[in-house]
């Protein structure tokens, strides 16, 4: 089992737990953006991509670097919809050519998709428990939060 995910450098600086030898001086700080959906998505998946990107950007979570992760989410979401349609059509169990009753293979696909979607949803803060662990990106026109923290004690 993997350990904790590392905290962003900016958060370490604000909390006062940063150790200079462990900091990444070249850590990217992307700005909030709504990227265009990738061309390989069908119309329904592209619409979902745009809706999700707009929602995430409104909450300061979507940046230009997150387009790939959101595209993966939408592809898995589309696969989940297709698998669920087959489960609904055939039922949760099916009869084999030999007459045995087994779990519908599309149910396994749907369950796998749900697990993968849950992981990506957690990364974007789309679940109640993951929301508390998400650090939103500040819009490009705002000032540096660390600078505001340092200057809050000084009066002009």
C-alpha atoms as a PDB file:
ATOM      1  CA  UNK A   1       0.000   0.000   0.000  1.00  0.00           C
ATOM      2  CA  UNK A   2       1.351   3.408  -0.948  1.00  0.00           C
ATOM      3  CA  UNK A   3       2.007   6.102   1.609  1.00  0.00           C
ATOM      4  CA  UNK A   4       0.552   9.582   1.731  1.00  0.00           C
ATOM      5  CA  UNK A   5       0.613  11.723  -1.355  1.00  0.00           C
ATOM      6  CA  UNK A   6       3.058  14.618  -1.018  1.00  0.00           C
ATOM      7  CA  UNK A   7       1.732  18.043  -0.100  1.00  0.00           C
ATOM      8  CA  UNK A   8       2.161  20.824  -2.646  1.00  0.00           C
ATOM      9  CA  UNK A   9       5.154  23.066  -1.931  1.00  0.00           C
ATOM     10  CA  UNK A  10       2.955  26.150  -1.511  1.00  0.00           C
ATOM     11  CA  UNK A  11       0.981  24.451   1.239  1.00  0.00           C
ATOM     12  CA  UNK A  12       4.170  23.385   3.030  1.00  0.00           C
ATOM     13  CA  UNK A  13       5.399  26.978   2.946  1.00  0.00           C
ATOM     14  CA  UNK A  14       2.159  28.368   4.342  1.00  0.00           C
ATOM     15  CA  UNK A  15       2.023  25.731   7.112  1.00  0.00           C
ATOM     16  CA  UNK A  16       5.661  26.340   8.011  1.00  0.00           C
ATOM     17  CA  UNK A  17       6.639  22.701   7.525  1.00  0.00           C
ATOM     18  CA  UNK A  18       8.801  23.204   4.436  1.00  0.00           C
ATOM     19  CA  UNK A  19      12.377  21.980   4.540  1.00  0.00           C
ATOM     20  CA  UNK A  20      14.492  23.798   1.951  1.00  0.00           C
ATOM     21  CA  UNK A  21      16.420  20.685   0.899  1.00  0.00           C
ATOM     22  CA  UNK A  22      13.153  18.874   0.111  1.00  0.00           C
ATOM     23  CA  UNK A  23      11.483  21.628  -1.897  1.00  0.00           C
ATOM     24  CA  UNK A  24      11.121  21.462  -5.648  1.00  0.00           C
ATOM     25  CA  UNK A  25      12.082  24.930  -6.903  1.00  0.00           C
ATOM     26  CA  UNK A  26      10.685  24.137 -10.351  1.00  0.00           C
ATOM     27  CA  UNK A  27       7.277  22.895  -9.215  1.00  0.00           C
ATOM     28  CA  UNK A  28       4.682  23.957 -11.809  1.00  0.00           C
ATOM     29  CA  UNK A  29       1.882  26.293 -10.769  1.00  0.00           C
ATOM     30  CA  UNK A  30      -0.674  26.064 -13.577  1.00  0.00           C
ATOM     31  CA  UNK A  31      -3.516  28.547 -13.823  1.00  0.00           C
ATOM     32  CA  UNK A  32      -7.202  27.674 -13.812  1.00  0.00           C
ATOM     33  CA  UNK A  33      -8.433  26.942 -17.339  1.00  0.00           C
ATOM     34  CA  UNK A  34     -11.167  25.166 -19.276  1.00  0.00           C
ATOM     35  CA  UNK A  35      -9.439  23.099 -21.984  1.00  0.00           C
ATOM     36  CA  UNK A  36     -11.151  21.985 -25.157  1.00  0.00           C
ATOM     37  CA  UNK A  37     -12.273  18.344 -25.224  1.00  0.00           C
ATOM     38  CA  UNK A  38      -9.956  15.961 -27.091  1.00  0.00           C
ATOM     39  CA  UNK A  39     -11.007  15.139 -30.635  1.00  0.00           C
ATOM     40  CA  UNK A  40     -11.216  11.373 -30.020  1.00  0.00           C
ATOM     41  CA  UNK A  41     -14.259  11.767 -27.747  1.00  0.00           C
ATOM     42  CA  UNK A  42     -17.731  11.195 -29.183  1.00  0.00           C
ATOM     43  CA  UNK A  43     -20.311  13.991 -28.935  1.00  0.00           C
ATOM     44  CA  UNK A  44     -21.813  12.815 -25.630  1.00  0.00           C
ATOM     45  CA  UNK A  45     -18.393  12.319 -24.010  1.00  0.00           C
ATOM     46  CA  UNK A  46     -17.181  15.698 -25.318  1.00  0.00           C
ATOM     47  CA  UNK A  47     -20.248  17.377 -23.784  1.00  0.00           C
ATOM     48  CA  UNK A  48     -19.537  15.621 -20.469  1.00  0.00           C
ATOM     49  CA  UNK A  49     -15.892  16.755 -20.686  1.00  0.00           C
ATOM     50  CA  UNK A  50     -16.932  20.386 -21.208  1.00  0.00           C
ATOM     51  CA  UNK A  51     -19.513  20.247 -18.392  1.00  0.00           C
ATOM     52  CA  UNK A  52     -17.036  18.695 -15.955  1.00  0.00           C
ATOM     53  CA  UNK A  53     -14.213  21.065 -16.962  1.00  0.00           C
ATOM     54  CA  UNK A  54     -16.487  24.084 -16.448  1.00  0.00           C
ATOM     55  CA  UNK A  55     -17.642  22.817 -13.057  1.00  0.00           C
ATOM     56  CA  UNK A  56     -14.115  22.022 -11.902  1.00  0.00           C
ATOM     57  CA  UNK A  57     -12.740  25.349 -13.144  1.00  0.00           C
ATOM     58  CA  UNK A  58     -15.484  27.220 -11.306  1.00  0.00           C
ATOM     59  CA  UNK A  59     -14.207  25.612  -8.103  1.00  0.00           C
ATOM     60  CA  UNK A  60     -10.561  26.305  -8.956  1.00  0.00           C
ATOM     61  CA  UNK A  61      -9.614  22.662  -9.521  1.00  0.00           C
ATOM     62  CA  UNK A  62      -9.310  22.444 -13.335  1.00  0.00           C
ATOM     63  CA  UNK A  63      -6.087  23.588 -14.971  1.00  0.00           C
ATOM     64  CA  UNK A  64      -4.687  23.131 -18.450  1.00  0.00           C
ATOM     65  CA  UNK A  65      -2.545  20.273 -17.106  1.00  0.00           C
ATOM     66  CA  UNK A  66      -5.620  18.294 -16.020  1.00  0.00           C
ATOM     67  CA  UNK A  67      -7.146  17.772 -19.471  1.00  0.00           C
ATOM     68  CA  UNK A  68      -5.646  14.274 -19.817  1.00  0.00           C
ATOM     69  CA  UNK A  69      -6.979  13.104 -16.464  1.00  0.00           C
ATOM     70  CA  UNK A  70     -10.425  14.489 -17.232  1.00  0.00           C
ATOM     71  CA  UNK A  71     -10.377  12.869 -20.684  1.00  0.00           C
ATOM     72  CA  UNK A  72      -9.566   9.510 -19.053  1.00  0.00           C
ATOM     73  CA  UNK A  73     -12.451  10.041 -16.639  1.00  0.00           C
ATOM     74  CA  UNK A  74     -14.866  10.765 -19.483  1.00  0.00           C
ATOM     75  CA  UNK A  75     -13.707   7.732 -21.510  1.00  0.00           C
ATOM     76  CA  UNK A  76     -14.234   5.500 -18.462  1.00  0.00           C
ATOM     77  CA  UNK A  77     -17.584   7.188 -17.786  1.00  0.00           C
ATOM     78  CA  UNK A  78     -18.668   6.428 -21.374  1.00  0.00           C
ATOM     79  CA  UNK A  79     -17.533   2.793 -21.035  1.00  0.00           C
ATOM     80  CA  UNK A  80     -19.479   2.543 -17.766  1.00  0.00           C
ATOM     81  CA  UNK A  81     -22.646   3.822 -19.470  1.00  0.00           C
ATOM     82  CA  UNK A  82     -22.285   1.235 -22.243  1.00  0.00           C
ATOM     83  CA  UNK A  83     -21.656  -1.591 -19.763  1.00  0.00           C
ATOM     84  CA  UNK A  84     -24.622  -0.534 -17.610  1.00  0.00           C
ATOM     85  CA  UNK A  85     -26.869  -0.544 -20.679  1.00  0.00           C
ATOM     86  CA  UNK A  86     -25.840  -4.141 -21.404  1.00  0.00           C
ATOM     87  CA  UNK A  87     -26.423  -5.176 -17.773  1.00  0.00           C
ATOM     88  CA  UNK A  88     -29.852  -3.584 -17.918  1.00  0.00           C
ATOM     89  CA  UNK A  89     -30.618  -5.352 -21.223  1.00  0.00           C
ATOM     90  CA  UNK A  90     -29.335  -8.828 -20.257  1.00  0.00           C
ATOM     91  CA  UNK A  91     -29.610  -8.745 -16.464  1.00  0.00           C
ATOM     92  CA  UNK A  92     -26.940  -9.245 -13.788  1.00  0.00           C
ATOM     93  CA  UNK A  93     -26.603 -12.967 -14.540  1.00  0.00           C
ATOM     94  CA  UNK A  94     -26.530 -14.754 -17.888  1.00  0.00           C
ATOM     95  CA  UNK A  95     -26.726 -18.349 -19.074  1.00  0.00           C
ATOM     96  CA  UNK A  96     -23.699 -19.767 -20.895  1.00  0.00           C
ATOM     97  CA  UNK A  97     -23.926 -21.977 -23.975  1.00  0.00           C
ATOM     98  CA  UNK A  98     -23.374 -24.913 -21.616  1.00  0.00           C
ATOM     99  CA  UNK A  99     -26.402 -23.907 -19.540  1.00  0.00           C
ATOM    100  CA  UNK A 100     -24.476 -22.579 -16.538  1.00  0.00           C
ATOM    101  CA  UNK A 101     -25.551 -19.347 -14.913  1.00  0.00           C
ATOM    102  CA  UNK A 102     -22.746 -16.816 -14.444  1.00  0.00           C
ATOM    103  CA  UNK A 103     -22.378 -13.161 -13.608  1.00  0.00           C
ATOM    104  CA  UNK A 104     -22.884 -10.977 -16.651  1.00  0.00           C
ATOM    105  CA  UNK A 105     -19.366 -10.032 -17.880  1.00  0.00           C
ATOM    106  CA  UNK A 106     -20.611  -6.499 -18.497  1.00  0.00           C
ATOM    107  CA  UNK A 107     -21.322  -6.221 -14.768  1.00  0.00           C
ATOM    108  CA  UNK A 108     -17.620  -6.793 -14.091  1.00  0.00           C
ATOM    109  CA  UNK A 109     -16.752  -4.119 -16.651  1.00  0.00           C
ATOM    110  CA  UNK A 110     -19.210  -1.696 -15.045  1.00  0.00           C
ATOM    111  CA  UNK A 111     -17.806  -2.378 -11.569  1.00  0.00           C
ATOM    112  CA  UNK A 112     -14.226  -1.868 -12.777  1.00  0.00           C
ATOM    113  CA  UNK A 113     -15.225   1.406 -14.404  1.00  0.00           C
ATOM    114  CA  UNK A 114     -16.883   2.577 -11.185  1.00  0.00           C
ATOM    115  CA  UNK A 115     -13.674   1.874  -9.248  1.00  0.00           C
ATOM    116  CA  UNK A 116     -11.564   3.753 -11.793  1.00  0.00           C
ATOM    117  CA  UNK A 117     -14.002   6.656 -11.863  1.00  0.00           C
ATOM    118  CA  UNK A 118     -13.895   6.803  -8.062  1.00  0.00           C
ATOM    119  CA  UNK A 119     -10.121   7.156  -8.096  1.00  0.00           C
ATOM    120  CA  UNK A 120     -10.218  10.018 -10.592  1.00  0.00           C
ATOM    121  CA  UNK A 121     -13.148  11.664  -8.789  1.00  0.00           C
ATOM    122  CA  UNK A 122     -11.057  11.618  -5.632  1.00  0.00           C
ATOM    123  CA  UNK A 123      -8.194  13.374  -7.426  1.00  0.00           C
ATOM    124  CA  UNK A 124     -10.532  16.153  -8.540  1.00  0.00           C
ATOM    125  CA  UNK A 125     -12.265  16.457  -5.156  1.00  0.00           C
ATOM    126  CA  UNK A 126     -15.614  15.186  -6.399  1.00  0.00           C
ATOM    127  CA  UNK A 127     -16.383  13.145  -3.279  1.00  0.00           C
ATOM    128  CA  UNK A 128     -17.174  14.624   0.138  1.00  0.00           C
ATOM    129  CA  UNK A 129     -14.149  13.084   1.859  1.00  0.00           C
ATOM    130  CA  UNK A 130     -11.691  14.008  -0.888  1.00  0.00           C
ATOM    131  CA  UNK A 131     -12.912  17.608  -1.027  1.00  0.00           C
ATOM    132  CA  UNK A 132     -11.178  18.382   2.263  1.00  0.00           C
ATOM    133  CA  UNK A 133      -7.828  17.252   0.824  1.00  0.00           C
ATOM    134  CA  UNK A 134      -7.982  19.279  -2.400  1.00  0.00           C
ATOM    135  CA  UNK A 135      -5.950  22.440  -2.817  1.00  0.00           C
ATOM    136  CA  UNK A 136      -7.496  24.669  -5.443  1.00  0.00           C
ATOM    137  CA  UNK A 137      -5.463  26.628  -7.933  1.00  0.00           C
ATOM    138  CA  UNK A 138      -5.756  30.381  -7.651  1.00  0.00           C
ATOM    139  CA  UNK A 139      -6.858  32.326 -10.718  1.00  0.00           C
ATOM    140  CA  UNK A 140      -3.932  33.928 -12.576  1.00  0.00           C
ATOM    141  CA  UNK A 141      -4.865  37.494 -11.621  1.00  0.00           C
ATOM    142  CA  UNK A 142      -4.782  36.936  -7.843  1.00  0.00           C
ATOM    143  CA  UNK A 143      -1.734  37.554  -5.712  1.00  0.00           C
ATOM    144  CA  UNK A 144       0.529  34.878  -4.255  1.00  0.00           C
ATOM    145  CA  UNK A 145      -1.067  33.316  -1.100  1.00  0.00           C
ATOM    146  CA  UNK A 146       2.343  32.826   0.475  1.00  0.00           C
ATOM    147  CA  UNK A 147       3.156  36.508  -0.030  1.00  0.00           C
ATOM    148  CA  UNK A 148      -0.190  37.442   1.530  1.00  0.00           C
ATOM    149  CA  UNK A 149       0.616  35.187   4.485  1.00  0.00           C
ATOM    150  CA  UNK A 150       4.027  36.802   4.965  1.00  0.00           C
ATOM    151  CA  UNK A 151       2.645  40.333   4.667  1.00  0.00           C
ATOM    152  CA  UNK A 152      -0.470  39.935   6.808  1.00  0.00           C
ATOM    153  CA  UNK A 153       1.336  40.993   9.979  1.00  0.00           C
ATOM    154  CA  UNK A 154       2.811  44.164   8.492  1.00  0.00           C
ATOM    155  CA  UNK A 155       0.619  47.233   8.364  1.00  0.00           C
ATOM    156  CA  UNK A 156       1.113  49.842   5.653  1.00  0.00           C
END
